PDB file of N, CA and C in Angstrom:
ATOM      1  N   MET A   1    -131.423  53.034  45.331  1.00  0.00           N
ATOM      2  CA  MET A   1    -132.585  53.134  44.451  1.00  0.00           C
ATOM      3  C   MET A   1    -132.130  53.197  43.001  1.00  0.00           C
ATOM      4  N   GLU A   2    -132.857  52.480  42.161  1.00  0.00           N
ATOM      5  CA  GLU A   2    -132.545  52.518  40.729  1.00  0.00           C
ATOM      6  C   GLU A   2    -133.468  53.515  40.044  1.00  0.00           C
ATOM      7  N   GLN A   3    -132.888  54.262  39.137  1.00  0.00           N
ATOM      8  CA  GLN A   3    -133.691  55.186  38.334  1.00  0.00           C
ATOM      9  C   GLN A   3    -133.654  54.735  36.887  1.00  0.00           C
ATOM     10  N   LYS A   4    -134.797  54.733  36.270  1.00  0.00           N
ATOM     11  CA  LYS A   4    -134.876  54.360  34.858  1.00  0.00           C
ATOM     12  C   LYS A   4    -135.040  55.636  34.037  1.00  0.00           C
ATOM     13  N   SER A   5    -133.911  56.205  33.710  1.00  0.00           N
ATOM     14  CA  SER A   5    -133.976  57.440  32.918  1.00  0.00           C
ATOM     15  C   SER A   5    -133.702  57.110  31.454  1.00  0.00           C
ATOM     16  N   GLY A   6    -134.655  57.406  30.629  1.00  0.00           N
ATOM     17  CA  GLY A   6    -134.466  57.192  29.193  1.00  0.00           C
ATOM     18  C   GLY A   6    -134.671  55.755  28.758  1.00  0.00           C
ATOM     19  N   ASN A   7    -135.158  54.895  29.623  1.00  0.00           N
ATOM     20  CA  ASN A   7    -135.380  53.503  29.253  1.00  0.00           C
ATOM     21  C   ASN A   7    -136.851  53.204  28.990  1.00  0.00           C
ATOM     22  N   THR A   8    -137.611  54.207  28.630  1.00  0.00           N
ATOM     23  CA  THR A   8    -139.018  53.982  28.339  1.00  0.00           C
ATOM     24  C   THR A   8    -139.143  53.429  26.928  1.00  0.00           C
ATOM     25  N   PRO A   9    -139.961  52.407  26.748  1.00  0.00           N
ATOM     26  CA  PRO A   9    -140.116  51.836  25.402  1.00  0.00           C
ATOM     27  C   PRO A   9    -140.841  52.816  24.478  1.00  0.00           C
ATOM     28  N   LYS A  10    -140.262  53.055  23.337  1.00  0.00           N
ATOM     29  CA  LYS A  10    -140.864  53.953  22.345  1.00  0.00           C
ATOM     30  C   LYS A  10    -141.355  53.113  21.168  1.00  0.00           C
ATOM     31  N   PRO A  11    -142.376  53.565  20.471  1.00  0.00           N
ATOM     32  CA  PRO A  11    -142.793  52.827  19.272  1.00  0.00           C
ATOM     33  C   PRO A  11    -141.687  52.871  18.233  1.00  0.00           C
ATOM     34  N   LYS A  12    -141.522  51.765  17.545  1.00  0.00           N
ATOM     35  CA  LYS A  12    -140.459  51.693  16.550  1.00  0.00           C
ATOM     36  C   LYS A  12    -140.735  52.687  15.424  1.00  0.00           C
ATOM     37  N   PRO A  13    -139.737  53.467  15.032  1.00  0.00           N
ATOM     38  CA  PRO A  13    -139.952  54.426  13.949  1.00  0.00           C
ATOM     39  C   PRO A  13    -140.329  53.747  12.639  1.00  0.00           C
ATOM     40  N   ALA A  14    -139.787  52.571  12.388  1.00  0.00           N
ATOM     41  CA  ALA A  14    -140.109  51.859  11.147  1.00  0.00           C
ATOM     42  C   ALA A  14    -141.578  51.467  11.117  1.00  0.00           C
ATOM     43  N   GLN A  15    -142.111  51.077  12.254  1.00  0.00           N
ATOM     44  CA  GLN A  15    -143.511  50.667  12.303  1.00  0.00           C
ATOM     45  C   GLN A  15    -144.429  51.853  12.042  1.00  0.00           C
ATOM     46  N   THR A  16    -144.162  52.967  12.669  1.00  0.00           N
ATOM     47  CA  THR A  16    -145.016  54.127  12.448  1.00  0.00           C
ATOM     48  C   THR A  16    -144.842  54.631  11.015  1.00  0.00           C
ATOM     49  N   ARG A  17    -143.631  54.537  10.490  1.00  0.00           N
ATOM     50  CA  ARG A  17    -143.383  54.939   9.107  1.00  0.00           C
ATOM     51  C   ARG A  17    -144.156  54.029   8.156  1.00  0.00           C
ATOM     52  N   GLU A  18    -144.147  52.735   8.443  1.00  0.00           N
ATOM     53  CA  GLU A  18    -144.892  51.789   7.617  1.00  0.00           C
ATOM     54  C   GLU A  18    -146.376  52.114   7.622  1.00  0.00           C
ATOM     55  N   GLU A  19    -146.895  52.448   8.783  1.00  0.00           N
ATOM     56  CA  GLU A  19    -148.315  52.786   8.877  1.00  0.00           C
ATOM     57  C   GLU A  19    -148.634  54.039   8.076  1.00  0.00           C
ATOM     58  N   ARG A  20    -147.746  55.043   8.167  1.00  0.00           N
ATOM     59  CA  ARG A  20    -147.971  56.276   7.394  1.00  0.00           C
ATOM     60  C   ARG A  20    -147.910  55.988   5.901  1.00  0.00           C
ATOM     61  N   LEU A  21    -146.935  55.188   5.477  1.00  0.00           N
ATOM     62  CA  LEU A  21    -146.802  54.864   4.060  1.00  0.00           C
ATOM     63  C   LEU A  21    -148.001  54.071   3.563  1.00  0.00           C
ATOM     64  N   LYS A  22    -148.484  53.151   4.393  1.00  0.00           N
ATOM     65  CA  LYS A  22    -149.651  52.352   4.021  1.00  0.00           C
ATOM     66  C   LYS A  22    -150.874  53.238   3.811  1.00  0.00           C
ATOM     67  N   ALA A  23    -151.074  54.192   4.716  1.00  0.00           N
ATOM     68  CA  ALA A  23    -152.209  55.100   4.610  1.00  0.00           C
ATOM     69  C   ALA A  23    -152.071  55.998   3.380  1.00  0.00           C
ATOM     70  N   ALA A  24    -150.855  56.478   3.123  1.00  0.00           N
ATOM     71  CA  ALA A  24    -150.631  57.336   1.960  1.00  0.00           C
ATOM     72  C   ALA A  24    -150.854  56.560   0.665  1.00  0.00           C
ATOM     73  N   LEU A  25    -150.406  55.320   0.630  1.00  0.00           N
ATOM     74  CA  LEU A  25    -150.593  54.492  -0.562  1.00  0.00           C
ATOM     75  C   LEU A  25    -152.065  54.227  -0.816  1.00  0.00           C
ATOM     76  N   LYS A  26    -152.793  53.957   0.250  1.00  0.00           N
ATOM     77  CA  LYS A  26    -154.228  53.693   0.116  1.00  0.00           C
ATOM     78  C   LYS A  26    -154.959  54.921  -0.429  1.00  0.00           C
ATOM     79  N   ALA A  27    -154.607  56.100   0.087  1.00  0.00           N
ATOM     80  CA  ALA A  27    -155.231  57.338  -0.387  1.00  0.00           C
ATOM     81  C   ALA A  27    -154.862  57.606  -1.843  1.00  0.00           C
ATOM     82  N   ASN A  28    -153.609  57.360  -2.179  1.00  0.00           N
ATOM     83  CA  ASN A  28    -153.140  57.581  -3.544  1.00  0.00           C
ATOM     84  C   ASN A  28    -153.865  56.654  -4.521  1.00  0.00           C
ATOM     85  N   MET A  29    -154.012  55.393  -4.143  1.00  0.00           N
ATOM     86  CA  MET A  29    -154.707  54.446  -5.016  1.00  0.00           C
ATOM     87  C   MET A  29    -156.170  54.844  -5.195  1.00  0.00           C
ATOM     88  N   GLY A  30    -156.776  55.351  -4.148  1.00  0.00           N
ATOM     89  CA  GLY A  30    -158.161  55.815  -4.246  1.00  0.00           C
ATOM     90  C   GLY A  30    -158.292  56.971  -5.226  1.00  0.00           C
ATOM     91  N   ARG A  31    -157.342  57.909  -5.155  1.00  0.00           N
ATOM     92  CA  ARG A  31    -157.356  59.037  -6.095  1.00  0.00           C
ATOM     93  C   ARG A  31    -157.137  58.565  -7.522  1.00  0.00           C
ATOM     94  N   ARG A  32    -156.208  57.652  -7.714  1.00  0.00           N
ATOM     95  CA  ARG A  32    -155.934  57.139  -9.066  1.00  0.00           C
ATOM     96  C   ARG A  32    -157.141  56.412  -9.646  1.00  0.00           C
ATOM     97  N   LYS A  33    -157.824  55.639  -8.813  1.00  0.00           N
ATOM     98  CA  LYS A  33    -159.026  54.941  -9.275  1.00  0.00           C
ATOM     99  C   LYS A  33    -160.092  55.936  -9.699  1.00  0.00           C
ATOM    100  N   ALA A  34    -160.267  56.976  -8.909  1.00  0.00           N
ATOM    101  CA  ALA A  34    -161.260  57.997  -9.227  1.00  0.00           C
ATOM    102  C   ALA A  34    -160.902  58.705 -10.534  1.00  0.00           C
ATOM    103  N   GLN A  35    -159.615  59.005 -10.712  1.00  0.00           N
ATOM    104  CA  GLN A  35    -159.178  59.647 -11.954  1.00  0.00           C
ATOM    105  C   GLN A  35    -159.423  58.729 -13.148  1.00  0.00           C
ATOM    106  N   ALA A  36    -159.106  57.446 -12.999  1.00  0.00           N
ATOM    107  CA  ALA A  36    -159.300  56.490 -14.093  1.00  0.00           C
ATOM    108  C   ALA A  36    -160.776  56.372 -14.450  1.00  0.00           C
ATOM    109  N   LYS A  37    -161.636  56.348 -13.430  1.00  0.00           N
ATOM    110  CA  LYS A  37    -163.077  56.279 -13.685  1.00  0.00           C
ATOM    111  C   LYS A  37    -163.552  57.516 -14.433  1.00  0.00           C
ATOM    112  N   ALA A  38    -163.068  58.681 -14.012  1.00  0.00           N
ATOM    113  CA  ALA A  38    -163.474  59.925 -14.649  1.00  0.00           C
ATOM    114  C   ALA A  38    -163.001  59.965 -16.100  1.00  0.00           C
ATOM    115  N   ARG A  39    -161.781  59.514 -16.331  1.00  0.00           N
ATOM    116  CA  ARG A  39    -161.262  59.496 -17.708  1.00  0.00           C
ATOM    117  C   ARG A  39    -162.036  58.513 -18.573  1.00  0.00           C
ATOM    118  N   ALA A  40    -162.369  57.356 -18.032  1.00  0.00           N
ATOM    119  CA  ALA A  40    -163.122  56.351 -18.780  1.00  0.00           C
ATOM    120  C   ALA A  40    -164.515  56.878 -19.097  1.00  0.00           C
ATOM    121  N   ALA A  41    -165.136  57.542 -18.144  1.00  0.00           N
ATOM    122  CA  ALA A  41    -166.470  58.101 -18.363  1.00  0.00           C
ATOM    123  C   ALA A  41    -166.401  59.220 -19.403  1.00  0.00           C
ATOM    124  N   ASP A  42    -165.324  60.011 -19.343  1.00  0.00           N
ATOM    125  CA  ASP A  42    -165.146  61.102 -20.287  1.00  0.00           C
ATOM    126  C   ASP A  42    -164.952  60.560 -21.696  1.00  0.00           C
ATOM    127  N   ARG A  43    -164.184  59.514 -21.836  1.00  0.00           N
ATOM    128  CA  ARG A  43    -163.971  58.895 -23.138  1.00  0.00           C
ATOM    129  C   ARG A  43    -165.269  58.319 -23.682  1.00  0.00           C
ATOM    130  N   GLY A  44    -166.080  57.769 -22.803  1.00  0.00           N
ATOM    131  CA  GLY A  44    -167.354  57.193 -23.206  1.00  0.00           C
ATOM    132  C   GLY A  44    -168.301  58.259 -23.761  1.00  0.00           C
ATOM    133  N   THR A  45    -168.310  59.452 -23.178  1.00  0.00           N
ATOM    134  CA  THR A  45    -169.182  60.509 -23.667  1.00  0.00           C
ATOM    135  C   THR A  45    -168.623  61.125 -24.940  1.00  0.00           C
ATOM    136  N   ASP A  46    -167.284  61.166 -25.078  1.00  0.00           N
ATOM    137  CA  ASP A  46    -166.686  61.713 -26.291  1.00  0.00           C
ATOM    138  C   ASP A  46    -166.989  60.835 -27.502  1.00  0.00           C
ATOM    139  N   ASN A  47    -166.951  59.537 -27.338  1.00  0.00           N
ATOM    140  CA  ASN A  47    -167.224  58.630 -28.431  1.00  0.00           C
ATOM    141  C   ASN A  47    -168.665  58.742 -28.898  1.00  0.00           C
ATOM    142  N   LYS A  48    -169.592  58.942 -27.995  1.00  0.00           N
ATOM    143  CA  LYS A  48    -170.997  59.064 -28.364  1.00  0.00           C
ATOM    144  C   LYS A  48    -171.242  60.362 -29.118  1.00  0.00           C
ATOM    145  N   GLU A  49    -170.548  61.424 -28.753  1.00  0.00           N
ATOM    146  CA  GLU A  49    -170.752  62.708 -29.408  1.00  0.00           C
ATOM    147  C   GLU A  49    -170.169  62.729 -30.818  1.00  0.00           C
ATOM    148  N   LYS A  50    -169.087  62.005 -31.051  1.00  0.00           N
ATOM    149  CA  LYS A  50    -168.433  61.998 -32.359  1.00  0.00           C
ATOM    150  C   LYS A  50    -169.238  61.209 -33.383  1.00  0.00           C
ATOM    151  N   GLU A  51    -170.007  60.217 -32.937  1.00  0.00           N
ATOM    152  CA  GLU A  51    -170.737  59.378 -33.887  1.00  0.00           C
ATOM    153  C   GLU A  51    -171.982  60.018 -34.396  1.00  0.00           C
TER     154      GLU A  51
END
């Protein structure tokens, strides 16, 4: 009888790492966009108040 010990296919670490990095990048870009929008809106209200 043959035994398959330790020969189970595992997901590639690079693939799961890529997926984690992709998700982190997407979240980071979303935060940066929100910050940029808030700063742009803040600048818009500051200019109106100074005039």
